[in-house]
Amino acid sequence: MTVEEGDGNKTTFYFNEGTYAGRGTNGVKNGYLYYMGKLQQADSSSRYALISILNGNGSYQTYVVNNSGRISKNTTVKGPRWKQI
């Protein structure tokens, strides 16, 4: 689901179905990274970002995502592009 705000910004969300219907997805879904349902992306000025999200056991999992939110595999990222959620 994509939501457009009054200022024209668009944000993508993904919600669970079935047992946890209506709750925002946490983690990887279809190759994209979500936290509390919101798609996590690198800033538009960056090609990639390191994003850490809290997983179910209380520790953080770090992912490399591009500016469309897709998780990158086998990628080396240069520079301090780290964001913890």
PDB file of N, CA and C in Angstrom:
ATOM      1  N   MET A   1       0.847  -1.159   0.000  1.00  0.00           N
ATOM      2  CA  MET A   1       0.000   0.000   0.000  1.00  0.00           C
ATOM      3  C   MET A   1       0.902   1.233   0.000  1.00  0.00           C
ATOM      4  N   THR A   2       0.606   2.184  -0.866  1.00  0.00           N
ATOM      5  CA  THR A   2       1.349   3.435  -0.909  1.00  0.00           C
ATOM      6  C   THR A   2       0.441   4.565  -0.429  1.00  0.00           C
ATOM      7  N   VAL A   3       0.959   5.368   0.489  1.00  0.00           N
ATOM      8  CA  VAL A   3       0.215   6.489   1.061  1.00  0.00           C
ATOM      9  C   VAL A   3       0.879   7.779   0.605  1.00  0.00           C
ATOM     10  N   GLU A   4       0.083   8.691   0.076  1.00  0.00           N
ATOM     11  CA  GLU A   4       0.606  10.000  -0.329  1.00  0.00           C
ATOM     12  C   GLU A   4       0.183  11.033   0.696  1.00  0.00           C
ATOM     13  N   GLU A   5       1.176  11.744   1.232  1.00  0.00           N
ATOM     14  CA  GLU A   5       0.913  12.765   2.241  1.00  0.00           C
ATOM     15  C   GLU A   5       0.539  14.078   1.567  1.00  0.00           C
ATOM     16  N   GLY A   6       0.099  15.039   2.350  1.00  0.00           N
ATOM     17  CA  GLY A   6      -0.333  16.324   1.832  1.00  0.00           C
ATOM     18  C   GLY A   6       0.749  17.086   1.086  1.00  0.00           C
ATOM     19  N   ASP A   7       2.025  16.862   1.451  1.00  0.00           N
ATOM     20  CA  ASP A   7       3.128  17.561   0.789  1.00  0.00           C
ATOM     21  C   ASP A   7       3.607  16.833  -0.466  1.00  0.00           C
ATOM     22  N   GLY A   8       2.944  15.725  -0.835  1.00  0.00           N
ATOM     23  CA  GLY A   8       3.309  15.001  -2.049  1.00  0.00           C
ATOM     24  C   GLY A   8       4.254  13.836  -1.832  1.00  0.00           C
ATOM     25  N   ASN A   9       4.802  13.691  -0.627  1.00  0.00           N
ATOM     26  CA  ASN A   9       5.677  12.552  -0.331  1.00  0.00           C
ATOM     27  C   ASN A   9       4.866  11.263  -0.315  1.00  0.00           C
ATOM     28  N   LYS A  10       5.450  10.211  -0.895  1.00  0.00           N
ATOM     29  CA  LYS A  10       4.791   8.913  -0.918  1.00  0.00           C
ATOM     30  C   LYS A  10       5.580   7.930  -0.061  1.00  0.00           C
ATOM     31  N   THR A  11       4.861   7.141   0.740  1.00  0.00           N
ATOM     32  CA  THR A  11       5.468   6.147   1.607  1.00  0.00           C
ATOM     33  C   THR A  11       4.785   4.814   1.362  1.00  0.00           C
ATOM     34  N   THR A  12       5.590   3.743   1.280  1.00  0.00           N
ATOM     35  CA  THR A  12       5.057   2.409   1.030  1.00  0.00           C
ATOM     36  C   THR A  12       5.008   1.617   2.331  1.00  0.00           C
ATOM     37  N   PHE A  13       3.899   0.912   2.540  1.00  0.00           N
ATOM     38  CA  PHE A  13       3.693   0.078   3.717  1.00  0.00           C
ATOM     39  C   PHE A  13       3.294  -1.327   3.283  1.00  0.00           C
ATOM     40  N   TYR A  14       3.563  -2.302   4.151  1.00  0.00           N
ATOM     41  CA  TYR A  14       3.137  -3.676   3.913  1.00  0.00           C
ATOM     42  C   TYR A  14       2.559  -4.213   5.213  1.00  0.00           C
ATOM     43  N   PHE A  15       1.323  -4.719   5.145  1.00  0.00           N
ATOM     44  CA  PHE A  15       0.645  -5.229   6.335  1.00  0.00           C
ATOM     45  C   PHE A  15       0.428  -6.729   6.227  1.00  0.00           C
ATOM     46  N   ASN A  16       0.507  -7.403   7.367  1.00  0.00           N
ATOM     47  CA  ASN A  16       0.328  -8.854   7.417  1.00  0.00           C
ATOM     48  C   ASN A  16      -1.105  -9.249   7.091  1.00  0.00           C
ATOM     49  N   GLU A  17      -1.239 -10.500   6.665  1.00  0.00           N
ATOM     50  CA  GLU A  17      -2.543 -11.102   6.435  1.00  0.00           C
ATOM     51  C   GLU A  17      -2.655 -12.334   7.323  1.00  0.00           C
ATOM     52  N   GLY A  18      -3.822 -12.888   7.447  1.00  0.00           N
ATOM     53  CA  GLY A  18      -4.003 -14.116   8.226  1.00  0.00           C
ATOM     54  C   GLY A  18      -4.048 -13.859   9.716  1.00  0.00           C
ATOM     55  N   THR A  19      -3.277 -14.635  10.479  1.00  0.00           N
ATOM     56  CA  THR A  19      -3.296 -14.576  11.939  1.00  0.00           C
ATOM     57  C   THR A  19      -2.971 -13.185  12.471  1.00  0.00           C
ATOM     58  N   TYR A  20      -2.010 -12.505  11.865  1.00  0.00           N
ATOM     59  CA  TYR A  20      -1.591 -11.170  12.328  1.00  0.00           C
ATOM     60  C   TYR A  20      -2.074 -10.081  11.386  1.00  0.00           C
ATOM     61  N   ALA A  21      -3.251 -10.237  10.834  1.00  0.00           N
ATOM     62  CA  ALA A  21      -3.801  -9.303   9.847  1.00  0.00           C
ATOM     63  C   ALA A  21      -3.830  -7.873  10.382  1.00  0.00           C
ATOM     64  N   GLY A  22      -3.399  -6.946   9.548  1.00  0.00           N
ATOM     65  CA  GLY A  22      -3.430  -5.528   9.888  1.00  0.00           C
ATOM     66  C   GLY A  22      -2.195  -5.007  10.587  1.00  0.00           C
ATOM     67  N   ARG A  23      -1.327  -5.885  11.048  1.00  0.00           N
ATOM     68  CA  ARG A  23      -0.091  -5.450  11.719  1.00  0.00           C
ATOM     69  C   ARG A  23       0.987  -5.207  10.673  1.00  0.00           C
ATOM     70  N   GLY A  24       1.785  -4.202  10.881  1.00  0.00           N
ATOM     71  CA  GLY A  24       2.882  -3.900   9.970  1.00  0.00           C
ATOM     72  C   GLY A  24       3.946  -4.978   9.994  1.00  0.00           C
ATOM     73  N   THR A  25       4.465  -5.311   8.835  1.00  0.00           N
ATOM     74  CA  THR A  25       5.494  -6.334   8.700  1.00  0.00           C
ATOM     75  C   THR A  25       6.830  -5.821   9.221  1.00  0.00           C
ATOM     76  N   ASN A  26       7.559  -6.682   9.929  1.00  0.00           N
ATOM     77  CA  ASN A  26       8.930  -6.404  10.356  1.00  0.00           C
ATOM     78  C   ASN A  26       9.841  -7.398   9.661  1.00  0.00           C
ATOM     79  N   GLY A  27      10.899  -6.903   9.021  1.00  0.00           N
ATOM     80  CA  GLY A  27      11.860  -7.785   8.374  1.00  0.00           C
ATOM     81  C   GLY A  27      11.720  -7.776   6.865  1.00  0.00           C
ATOM     82  N   VAL A  28      12.144  -8.883   6.254  1.00  0.00           N
ATOM     83  CA  VAL A  28      12.223  -8.988   4.803  1.00  0.00           C
ATOM     84  C   VAL A  28      10.938  -9.577   4.244  1.00  0.00           C
ATOM     85  N   LYS A  29      10.395  -8.945   3.227  1.00  0.00           N
ATOM     86  CA  LYS A  29       9.221  -9.452   2.516  1.00  0.00           C
ATOM     87  C   LYS A  29       9.443  -9.204   1.036  1.00  0.00           C
ATOM     88  N   ASN A  30       9.481 -10.282   0.249  1.00  0.00           N
ATOM     89  CA  ASN A  30       9.658 -10.198  -1.212  1.00  0.00           C
ATOM     90  C   ASN A  30      10.919  -9.431  -1.608  1.00  0.00           C
ATOM     91  N   GLY A  31      11.988  -9.570  -0.796  1.00  0.00           N
ATOM     92  CA  GLY A  31      13.258  -8.937  -1.122  1.00  0.00           C
ATOM     93  C   GLY A  31      13.382  -7.488  -0.681  1.00  0.00           C
ATOM     94  N   TYR A  32      12.372  -6.958   0.013  1.00  0.00           N
ATOM     95  CA  TYR A  32      12.390  -5.577   0.503  1.00  0.00           C
ATOM     96  C   TYR A  32      12.373  -5.589   2.024  1.00  0.00           C
ATOM     97  N   LEU A  33      12.921  -4.537   2.650  1.00  0.00           N
ATOM     98  CA  LEU A  33      13.019  -4.456   4.103  1.00  0.00           C
ATOM     99  C   LEU A  33      11.944  -3.532   4.662  1.00  0.00           C
ATOM    100  N   TYR A  34      11.184  -4.056   5.645  1.00  0.00           N
ATOM    101  CA  TYR A  34      10.114  -3.291   6.294  1.00  0.00           C
ATOM    102  C   TYR A  34      10.333  -3.263   7.795  1.00  0.00           C
ATOM    103  N   TYR A  35       9.965  -2.145   8.403  1.00  0.00           N
ATOM    104  CA  TYR A  35       9.962  -2.034   9.854  1.00  0.00           C
ATOM    105  C   TYR A  35       8.649  -1.397  10.272  1.00  0.00           C
ATOM    106  N   MET A  36       7.887  -2.119  11.092  1.00  0.00           N
ATOM    107  CA  MET A  36       6.555  -1.696  11.519  1.00  0.00           C
ATOM    108  C   MET A  36       5.694  -1.344  10.301  1.00  0.00           C
ATOM    109  N   GLY A  37       5.877  -2.095   9.235  1.00  0.00           N
ATOM    110  CA  GLY A  37       5.088  -1.922   8.027  1.00  0.00           C
ATOM    111  C   GLY A  37       5.649  -0.943   7.024  1.00  0.00           C
ATOM    112  N   LYS A  38       6.548  -0.070   7.432  1.00  0.00           N
ATOM    113  CA  LYS A  38       7.081   0.970   6.542  1.00  0.00           C
ATOM    114  C   LYS A  38       8.314   0.460   5.796  1.00  0.00           C
ATOM    115  N   LEU A  39       8.333   0.683   4.484  1.00  0.00           N
ATOM    116  CA  LEU A  39       9.474   0.307   3.660  1.00  0.00           C
ATOM    117  C   LEU A  39      10.688   1.127   4.060  1.00  0.00           C
ATOM    118  N   GLN A  40      11.803   0.444   4.321  1.00  0.00           N
ATOM    119  CA  GLN A  40      13.049   1.115   4.708  1.00  0.00           C
ATOM    120  C   GLN A  40      13.911   1.291   3.468  1.00  0.00           C
ATOM    121  N   GLN A  41      14.378   2.513   3.231  1.00  0.00           N
ATOM    122  CA  GLN A  41      15.140   2.837   2.036  1.00  0.00           C
ATOM    123  C   GLN A  41      16.343   3.695   2.373  1.00  0.00           C
ATOM    124  N   ALA A  42      17.346   3.653   1.490  1.00  0.00           N
ATOM    125  CA  ALA A  42      18.454   4.608   1.584  1.00  0.00           C
ATOM    126  C   ALA A  42      17.916   5.973   1.158  1.00  0.00           C
ATOM    127  N   ASP A  43      18.540   7.040   1.621  1.00  0.00           N
ATOM    128  CA  ASP A  43      18.150   8.380   1.187  1.00  0.00           C
ATOM    129  C   ASP A  43      18.296   8.491  -0.319  1.00  0.00           C
ATOM    130  N   SER A  44      17.506   9.369  -0.925  1.00  0.00           N
ATOM    131  CA  SER A  44      17.546   9.524  -2.379  1.00  0.00           C
ATOM    132  C   SER A  44      18.909   9.981  -2.874  1.00  0.00           C
ATOM    133  N   SER A  45      19.694  10.632  -2.012  1.00  0.00           N
ATOM    134  CA  SER A  45      21.033  11.081  -2.402  1.00  0.00           C
ATOM    135  C   SER A  45      22.090   9.980  -2.256  1.00  0.00           C
ATOM    136  N   SER A  46      21.715   8.853  -1.652  1.00  0.00           N
ATOM    137  CA  SER A  46      22.644   7.741  -1.432  1.00  0.00           C
ATOM    138  C   SER A  46      22.258   6.555  -2.301  1.00  0.00           C
ATOM    139  N   ARG A  47      23.250   5.779  -2.643  1.00  0.00           N
ATOM    140  CA  ARG A  47      22.967   4.580  -3.422  1.00  0.00           C
ATOM    141  C   ARG A  47      22.567   3.417  -2.513  1.00  0.00           C
ATOM    142  N   TYR A  48      23.246   3.304  -1.365  1.00  0.00           N
ATOM    143  CA  TYR A  48      22.978   2.246  -0.402  1.00  0.00           C
ATOM    144  C   TYR A  48      22.999   2.800   1.015  1.00  0.00           C
ATOM    145  N   ALA A  49      22.385   2.057   1.947  1.00  0.00           N
ATOM    146  CA  ALA A  49      22.446   2.400   3.369  1.00  0.00           C
ATOM    147  C   ALA A  49      22.448   1.112   4.177  1.00  0.00           C
ATOM    148  N   LEU A  50      23.120   1.141   5.322  1.00  0.00           N
ATOM    149  CA  LEU A  50      23.051   0.051   6.289  1.00  0.00           C
ATOM    150  C   LEU A  50      21.918   0.391   7.245  1.00  0.00           C
ATOM    151  N   ILE A  51      20.953  -0.512   7.366  1.00  0.00           N
ATOM    152  CA  ILE A  51      19.814  -0.277   8.248  1.00  0.00           C
ATOM    153  C   ILE A  51      19.703  -1.455   9.201  1.00  0.00           C
ATOM    154  N   SER A  52      19.678  -1.147  10.493  1.00  0.00           N
ATOM    155  CA  SER A  52      19.555  -2.168  11.525  1.00  0.00           C
ATOM    156  C   SER A  52      18.163  -2.094  12.128  1.00  0.00           C
ATOM    157  N   ILE A  53      17.493  -3.248  12.199  1.00  0.00           N
ATOM    158  CA  ILE A  53      16.180  -3.286  12.835  1.00  0.00           C
ATOM    159  C   ILE A  53      16.197  -4.331  13.944  1.00  0.00           C
ATOM    160  N   LEU A  54      15.380  -4.091  14.941  1.00  0.00           N
ATOM    161  CA  LEU A  54      15.271  -4.996  16.080  1.00  0.00           C
ATOM    162  C   LEU A  54      14.531  -6.249  15.640  1.00  0.00           C
ATOM    163  N   ASN A  55      15.127  -7.413  15.893  1.00  0.00           N
ATOM    164  CA  ASN A  55      14.436  -8.650  15.533  1.00  0.00           C
ATOM    165  C   ASN A  55      13.706  -9.215  16.745  1.00  0.00           C
ATOM    166  N   GLY A  56      13.061 -10.340  16.584  1.00  0.00           N
ATOM    167  CA  GLY A  56      12.198 -10.909  17.617  1.00  0.00           C
ATOM    168  C   GLY A  56      12.883 -11.306  18.911  1.00  0.00           C
ATOM    169  N   ASN A  57      14.187 -11.546  18.903  1.00  0.00           N
ATOM    170  CA  ASN A  57      14.858 -11.993  20.134  1.00  0.00           C
ATOM    171  C   ASN A  57      15.598 -10.873  20.863  1.00  0.00           C
ATOM    172  N   GLY A  58      15.333  -9.615  20.508  1.00  0.00           N
ATOM    173  CA  GLY A  58      15.911  -8.487  21.231  1.00  0.00           C
ATOM    174  C   GLY A  58      17.252  -7.989  20.725  1.00  0.00           C
ATOM    175  N   SER A  59      17.772  -8.573  19.661  1.00  0.00           N
ATOM    176  CA  SER A  59      19.034  -8.098  19.090  1.00  0.00           C
ATOM    177  C   SER A  59      18.751  -7.444  17.737  1.00  0.00           C
ATOM    178  N   TYR A  60      19.760  -6.786  17.186  1.00  0.00           N
ATOM    179  CA  TYR A  60      19.595  -6.083  15.914  1.00  0.00           C
ATOM    180  C   TYR A  60      20.145  -6.904  14.749  1.00  0.00           C
ATOM    181  N   GLN A  61      19.465  -6.823  13.633  1.00  0.00           N
ATOM    182  CA  GLN A  61      19.900  -7.427  12.375  1.00  0.00           C
ATOM    183  C   GLN A  61      20.177  -6.272  11.413  1.00  0.00           C
ATOM    184  N   THR A  62      21.339  -6.268  10.772  1.00  0.00           N
ATOM    185  CA  THR A  62      21.717  -5.187   9.871  1.00  0.00           C
ATOM    186  C   THR A  62      21.620  -5.648   8.423  1.00  0.00           C
ATOM    187  N   TYR A  63      21.043  -4.798   7.590  1.00  0.00           N
ATOM    188  CA  TYR A  63      20.853  -5.086   6.172  1.00  0.00           C
ATOM    189  C   TYR A  63      21.445  -3.966   5.331  1.00  0.00           C
ATOM    190  N   VAL A  64      21.849  -4.282   4.119  1.00  0.00           N
ATOM    191  CA  VAL A  64      22.246  -3.278   3.132  1.00  0.00           C
ATOM    192  C   VAL A  64      21.065  -3.129   2.185  1.00  0.00           C
ATOM    193  N   VAL A  65      20.508  -1.921   2.109  1.00  0.00           N
ATOM    194  CA  VAL A  65      19.371  -1.668   1.221  1.00  0.00           C
ATOM    195  C   VAL A  65      19.701  -0.530   0.267  1.00  0.00           C
ATOM    196  N   ASN A  66      19.073  -0.538  -0.901  1.00  0.00           N
ATOM    197  CA  ASN A  66      19.275   0.548  -1.850  1.00  0.00           C
ATOM    198  C   ASN A  66      18.167   1.586  -1.683  1.00  0.00           C
ATOM    199  N   ASN A  67      18.145   2.595  -2.550  1.00  0.00           N
ATOM    200  CA  ASN A  67      17.177   3.677  -2.373  1.00  0.00           C
ATOM    201  C   ASN A  67      15.760   3.308  -2.798  1.00  0.00           C
ATOM    202  N   SER A  68      15.547   2.077  -3.268  1.00  0.00           N
ATOM    203  CA  SER A  68      14.183   1.615  -3.507  1.00  0.00           C
ATOM    204  C   SER A  68      13.728   0.655  -2.402  1.00  0.00           C
ATOM    205  N   GLY A  69      14.631   0.331  -1.453  1.00  0.00           N
ATOM    206  CA  GLY A  69      14.293  -0.525  -0.330  1.00  0.00           C
ATOM    207  C   GLY A  69      14.644  -1.979  -0.529  1.00  0.00           C
ATOM    208  N   ARG A  70      15.161  -2.332  -1.698  1.00  0.00           N
ATOM    209  CA  ARG A  70      15.525  -3.729  -1.970  1.00  0.00           C
ATOM    210  C   ARG A  70      16.808  -4.077  -1.223  1.00  0.00           C
ATOM    211  N   ILE A  71      16.822  -5.267  -0.635  1.00  0.00           N
ATOM    212  CA  ILE A  71      17.997  -5.744   0.084  1.00  0.00           C
ATOM    213  C   ILE A  71      19.058  -6.163  -0.915  1.00  0.00           C
ATOM    214  N   SER A  72      20.272  -5.710  -0.683  1.00  0.00           N
ATOM    215  CA  SER A  72      21.402  -6.053  -1.543  1.00  0.00           C
ATOM    216  C   SER A  72      22.178  -7.196  -0.912  1.00  0.00           C
ATOM    217  N   LYS A  73      22.530  -8.173  -1.714  1.00  0.00           N
ATOM    218  CA  LYS A  73      23.299  -9.314  -1.227  1.00  0.00           C
ATOM    219  C   LYS A  73      24.670  -9.298  -1.872  1.00  0.00           C
ATOM    220  N   ASN A  74      25.671  -9.749  -1.119  1.00  0.00           N
ATOM    221  CA  ASN A  74      27.047  -9.788  -1.610  1.00  0.00           C
ATOM    222  C   ASN A  74      27.516  -8.420  -2.097  1.00  0.00           C
ATOM    223  N   THR A  75      27.255  -7.385  -1.299  1.00  0.00           N
ATOM    224  CA  THR A  75      27.582  -6.016  -1.672  1.00  0.00           C
ATOM    225  C   THR A  75      28.548  -5.419  -0.660  1.00  0.00           C
ATOM    226  N   THR A  76      29.548  -4.696  -1.157  1.00  0.00           N
ATOM    227  CA  THR A  76      30.457  -3.952  -0.303  1.00  0.00           C
ATOM    228  C   THR A  76      30.057  -2.485  -0.376  1.00  0.00           C
ATOM    229  N   VAL A  77      29.855  -1.862   0.781  1.00  0.00           N
ATOM    230  CA  VAL A  77      29.439  -0.465   0.837  1.00  0.00           C
ATOM    231  C   VAL A  77      30.565   0.349   1.443  1.00  0.00           C
ATOM    232  N   LYS A  78      30.914   1.458   0.792  1.00  0.00           N
ATOM    233  CA  LYS A  78      31.963   2.340   1.295  1.00  0.00           C
ATOM    234  C   LYS A  78      31.326   3.569   1.924  1.00  0.00           C
ATOM    235  N   GLY A  79      31.879   4.007   3.040  1.00  0.00           N
ATOM    236  CA  GLY A  79      31.400   5.228   3.674  1.00  0.00           C
ATOM    237  C   GLY A  79      30.427   4.950   4.805  1.00  0.00           C
ATOM    238  N   PRO A  80      30.221   5.956   5.692  1.00  0.00           N
ATOM    239  CA  PRO A  80      29.364   5.802   6.874  1.00  0.00           C
ATOM    240  C   PRO A  80      27.891   6.032   6.550  1.00  0.00           C
ATOM    241  N   ARG A  81      27.207   5.044   6.055  1.00  0.00           N
ATOM    242  CA  ARG A  81      25.793   5.176   5.699  1.00  0.00           C
ATOM    243  C   ARG A  81      24.988   4.234   6.573  1.00  0.00           C
ATOM    244  N   TRP A  82      24.996   4.440   7.892  1.00  0.00           N
ATOM    245  CA  TRP A  82      24.376   3.531   8.835  1.00  0.00           C
ATOM    246  C   TRP A  82      23.210   4.198   9.517  1.00  0.00           C
ATOM    247  N   LYS A  83      22.090   3.478   9.631  1.00  0.00           N
ATOM    248  CA  LYS A  83      20.903   4.007  10.282  1.00  0.00           C
ATOM    249  C   LYS A  83      20.310   2.894  11.138  1.00  0.00           C
ATOM    250  N   GLN A  84      20.100   3.143  12.436  1.00  0.00           N
ATOM    251  CA  GLN A  84      19.525   2.142  13.328  1.00  0.00           C
ATOM    252  C   GLN A  84      18.115   2.531  13.666  1.00  0.00           C
ATOM    253  N   ILE A  85      17.210   1.579  13.559  1.00  0.00           N
ATOM    254  CA  ILE A  85      15.790   1.851  13.820  1.00  0.00           C
ATOM    255  C   ILE A  85      15.381   1.137  15.094  1.00  0.00           C
TER     256      ILE A  85
END
